[in-house]
Amino acid sequence: MSTIERGASRQRRLSASTVAALALGALLVLLAVLNGQSVTIHWIVTTTSAPLIVVIAGCGLIGFAVGWLLARRRARGRAR
């Protein structure tokens, strides 16, 4: 495989991952907007009430952060 072909392949993979990320983000926004009711959150020590949109957005952000940290760790492991 030539260098040009590898570069094009890498761009396609990046493009596909970008499209997938955008689709998942759009799905997350859709779920959050359609679920506006208030829910009870049971923490270890206490219980609180919050709109479901906040819970969904918070879980999405936590999932994004975990995925980003794992990707950085994997990339750092390959560099060594």
N, C-alpha and C. Protein backbone atom coordinates (compact mmCIF):
# COMPACT_ATOMS: atom_id res chain seq x y z
N MET A 1 0.86 -1.17 0.00
CA MET A 1 0.00 0.00 0.00
C MET A 1 0.91 1.23 0.00
N SER A 2 0.64 2.17 -0.88
CA SER A 2 1.48 3.36 -0.98
C SER A 2 1.15 4.34 0.14
N THR A 3 2.02 5.33 0.31
CA THR A 3 1.82 6.33 1.34
C THR A 3 0.54 7.12 1.10
N ILE A 4 0.26 7.41 -0.16
CA ILE A 4 -0.96 8.16 -0.49
C ILE A 4 -2.19 7.35 -0.12
N GLU A 5 -2.17 6.05 -0.42
CA GLU A 5 -3.31 5.19 -0.09
C GLU A 5 -3.50 5.11 1.42
N ARG A 6 -2.38 5.01 2.17
CA ARG A 6 -2.50 4.95 3.63
C ARG A 6 -3.08 6.24 4.18
N GLY A 7 -2.65 7.37 3.62
CA GLY A 7 -3.18 8.66 4.06
C GLY A 7 -4.66 8.79 3.79
N ALA A 8 -5.08 8.36 2.62
CA ALA A 8 -6.51 8.41 2.26
C ALA A 8 -7.30 7.48 3.17
N SER A 9 -6.76 6.32 3.46
CA SER A 9 -7.44 5.38 4.34
C SER A 9 -7.59 5.97 5.74
N ARG A 10 -6.55 6.63 6.22
CA ARG A 10 -6.60 7.24 7.54
C ARG A 10 -7.65 8.34 7.58
N GLN A 11 -7.74 9.13 6.51
CA GLN A 11 -8.74 10.19 6.46
C GLN A 11 -10.15 9.60 6.45
N ARG A 12 -10.36 8.51 5.75
CA ARG A 12 -11.67 7.87 5.75
C ARG A 12 -12.03 7.35 7.13
N ARG A 13 -11.07 6.75 7.82
CA ARG A 13 -11.34 6.27 9.18
C ARG A 13 -11.68 7.43 10.09
N LEU A 14 -10.94 8.52 9.99
CA LEU A 14 -11.20 9.69 10.81
C LEU A 14 -12.58 10.24 10.49
N SER A 15 -12.89 10.29 9.23
CA SER A 15 -14.19 10.80 8.81
C SER A 15 -15.31 9.90 9.35
N ALA A 16 -15.13 8.61 9.29
CA ALA A 16 -16.15 7.68 9.79
C ALA A 16 -16.30 7.83 11.30
N SER A 17 -15.21 7.99 12.02
CA SER A 17 -15.31 8.15 13.47
C SER A 17 -15.95 9.50 13.82
N THR A 18 -15.68 10.50 13.02
CA THR A 18 -16.31 11.81 13.25
C THR A 18 -17.81 11.72 13.02
N VAL A 19 -18.20 11.05 11.96
CA VAL A 19 -19.63 10.87 11.68
C VAL A 19 -20.29 10.08 12.81
N ALA A 20 -19.64 9.05 13.28
CA ALA A 20 -20.19 8.24 14.37
C ALA A 20 -20.34 9.08 15.64
N ALA A 21 -19.34 9.89 15.94
CA ALA A 21 -19.40 10.74 17.13
C ALA A 21 -20.53 11.76 17.02
N LEU A 22 -20.69 12.33 15.83
CA LEU A 22 -21.78 13.29 15.62
C LEU A 22 -23.14 12.62 15.75
N ALA A 23 -23.26 11.41 15.22
CA ALA A 23 -24.54 10.68 15.31
C ALA A 23 -24.87 10.35 16.77
N LEU A 24 -23.87 9.92 17.52
CA LEU A 24 -24.11 9.62 18.94
C LEU A 24 -24.44 10.88 19.72
N GLY A 25 -23.78 11.98 19.39
CA GLY A 25 -24.08 13.25 20.04
C GLY A 25 -25.50 13.71 19.75
N ALA A 26 -25.91 13.57 18.49
CA ALA A 26 -27.28 13.94 18.11
C ALA A 26 -28.30 13.07 18.84
N LEU A 27 -28.01 11.79 18.96
CA LEU A 27 -28.90 10.88 19.68
C LEU A 27 -29.00 11.28 21.15
N LEU A 28 -27.87 11.64 21.74
CA LEU A 28 -27.85 12.08 23.14
C LEU A 28 -28.70 13.33 23.33
N VAL A 29 -28.55 14.29 22.42
CA VAL A 29 -29.35 15.53 22.50
C VAL A 29 -30.83 15.21 22.33
N LEU A 30 -31.17 14.35 21.38
CA LEU A 30 -32.56 13.97 21.16
C LEU A 30 -33.16 13.31 22.41
N LEU A 31 -32.43 12.39 23.00
CA LEU A 31 -32.91 11.73 24.22
C LEU A 31 -33.10 12.73 25.35
N ALA A 32 -32.17 13.65 25.49
CA ALA A 32 -32.26 14.63 26.56
C ALA A 32 -33.47 15.55 26.37
N VAL A 33 -33.70 16.00 25.15
CA VAL A 33 -34.81 16.91 24.89
C VAL A 33 -36.15 16.22 25.07
N LEU A 34 -36.24 14.97 24.68
CA LEU A 34 -37.52 14.25 24.76
C LEU A 34 -37.84 13.78 26.18
N ASN A 35 -36.85 13.80 27.08
CA ASN A 35 -37.06 13.33 28.45
C ASN A 35 -36.84 14.47 29.43
N GLY A 36 -37.83 15.34 29.55
CA GLY A 36 -37.69 16.53 30.38
C GLY A 36 -38.24 16.39 31.79
N GLN A 37 -38.82 15.27 32.14
CA GLN A 37 -39.41 15.13 33.47
C GLN A 37 -38.34 15.08 34.56
N SER A 38 -38.75 15.30 35.78
CA SER A 38 -37.85 15.27 36.92
C SER A 38 -37.71 13.84 37.44
N VAL A 39 -36.49 13.49 37.84
CA VAL A 39 -36.24 12.15 38.36
C VAL A 39 -35.53 12.24 39.70
N THR A 40 -35.64 11.18 40.48
CA THR A 40 -34.97 11.10 41.77
C THR A 40 -33.64 10.38 41.58
N ILE A 41 -32.58 10.96 42.12
CA ILE A 41 -31.24 10.38 42.03
C ILE A 41 -30.84 9.92 43.43
N HIS A 42 -30.54 8.65 43.57
CA HIS A 42 -30.14 8.09 44.85
C HIS A 42 -28.61 8.03 44.91
N TRP A 43 -28.02 8.94 45.67
CA TRP A 43 -26.58 8.94 45.88
C TRP A 43 -26.28 7.98 47.02
N ILE A 44 -25.05 7.80 47.36
CA ILE A 44 -24.69 6.87 48.44
C ILE A 44 -25.24 7.36 49.77
N VAL A 45 -25.16 8.67 50.02
CA VAL A 45 -25.53 9.22 51.31
C VAL A 45 -26.89 9.90 51.29
N THR A 46 -27.28 10.48 50.17
CA THR A 46 -28.48 11.29 50.12
C THR A 46 -29.27 11.02 48.84
N THR A 47 -30.41 11.65 48.74
CA THR A 47 -31.26 11.54 47.55
C THR A 47 -31.60 12.96 47.08
N THR A 48 -31.51 13.17 45.76
CA THR A 48 -31.85 14.47 45.20
C THR A 48 -32.78 14.28 44.01
N SER A 49 -33.37 15.38 43.59
CA SER A 49 -34.24 15.37 42.42
C SER A 49 -33.65 16.32 41.39
N ALA A 50 -33.65 15.90 40.12
CA ALA A 50 -33.09 16.72 39.04
C ALA A 50 -33.83 16.40 37.75
N PRO A 51 -33.83 17.34 36.81
CA PRO A 51 -34.44 17.06 35.51
C PRO A 51 -33.66 15.94 34.79
N LEU A 52 -34.37 15.09 34.11
CA LEU A 52 -33.73 13.96 33.42
C LEU A 52 -32.73 14.44 32.37
N ILE A 53 -32.97 15.62 31.79
CA ILE A 53 -32.04 16.16 30.80
C ILE A 53 -30.66 16.37 31.42
N VAL A 54 -30.61 16.80 32.68
CA VAL A 54 -29.34 17.01 33.37
C VAL A 54 -28.65 15.67 33.63
N VAL A 55 -29.42 14.67 34.01
CA VAL A 55 -28.86 13.34 34.26
C VAL A 55 -28.29 12.75 32.98
N ILE A 56 -29.02 12.84 31.88
CA ILE A 56 -28.56 12.30 30.60
C ILE A 56 -27.31 13.03 30.13
N ALA A 57 -27.32 14.36 30.21
CA ALA A 57 -26.16 15.15 29.79
C ALA A 57 -24.95 14.83 30.66
N GLY A 58 -25.16 14.70 31.95
CA GLY A 58 -24.06 14.36 32.86
C GLY A 58 -23.46 13.00 32.55
N CYS A 59 -24.32 12.02 32.31
CA CYS A 59 -23.83 10.68 31.96
C CYS A 59 -23.09 10.70 30.63
N GLY A 60 -23.59 11.47 29.68
CA GLY A 60 -22.91 11.61 28.38
C GLY A 60 -21.53 12.22 28.54
N LEU A 61 -21.43 13.26 29.36
CA LEU A 61 -20.13 13.90 29.59
C LEU A 61 -19.16 12.96 30.31
N ILE A 62 -19.66 12.20 31.27
CA ILE A 62 -18.80 11.24 31.96
C ILE A 62 -18.32 10.16 30.99
N GLY A 63 -19.21 9.66 30.14
CA GLY A 63 -18.82 8.67 29.14
C GLY A 63 -17.79 9.20 28.16
N PHE A 64 -17.98 10.46 27.72
CA PHE A 64 -17.02 11.09 26.82
C PHE A 64 -15.66 11.22 27.49
N ALA A 65 -15.64 11.65 28.74
CA ALA A 65 -14.38 11.83 29.46
C ALA A 65 -13.64 10.50 29.64
N VAL A 66 -14.37 9.46 30.00
CA VAL A 66 -13.75 8.14 30.17
C VAL A 66 -13.18 7.64 28.85
N GLY A 67 -13.93 7.77 27.77
CA GLY A 67 -13.45 7.35 26.46
C GLY A 67 -12.23 8.13 26.02
N TRP A 68 -12.24 9.43 26.25
CA TRP A 68 -11.11 10.29 25.89
C TRP A 68 -9.86 9.91 26.68
N LEU A 69 -10.03 9.67 27.99
CA LEU A 69 -8.89 9.29 28.82
C LEU A 69 -8.33 7.93 28.40
N LEU A 70 -9.20 6.98 28.09
CA LEU A 70 -8.73 5.67 27.65
C LEU A 70 -8.02 5.75 26.30
N ALA A 71 -8.50 6.59 25.40
CA ALA A 71 -7.85 6.76 24.11
C ALA A 71 -6.47 7.39 24.29
N ARG A 72 -6.35 8.37 25.17
CA ARG A 72 -5.04 8.98 25.44
C ARG A 72 -4.08 7.95 26.03
N ARG A 73 -4.60 7.12 26.94
CA ARG A 73 -3.74 6.12 27.57
C ARG A 73 -3.25 5.10 26.53
N ARG A 74 -4.15 4.68 25.63
CA ARG A 74 -3.78 3.74 24.59
C ARG A 74 -2.74 4.34 23.64
N ALA A 75 -2.95 5.60 23.27
CA ALA A 75 -2.02 6.28 22.37
C ALA A 75 -0.65 6.45 23.05
N ARG A 76 -0.62 6.74 24.32
CA ARG A 76 0.64 6.87 25.05
C ARG A 76 1.35 5.51 25.12
N GLY A 77 0.58 4.43 25.27
CA GLY A 77 1.17 3.09 25.33
C GLY A 77 1.78 2.68 24.00
N ARG A 78 1.17 3.09 22.90
CA ARG A 78 1.73 2.78 21.57
C ARG A 78 2.99 3.57 21.29
N ALA A 79 3.08 4.78 21.85
CA ALA A 79 4.24 5.63 21.58
C ALA A 79 5.50 5.09 22.26
N ARG A 80 5.35 4.31 23.28
CA ARG A 80 6.52 3.78 24.00
C ARG A 80 7.12 2.61 23.30
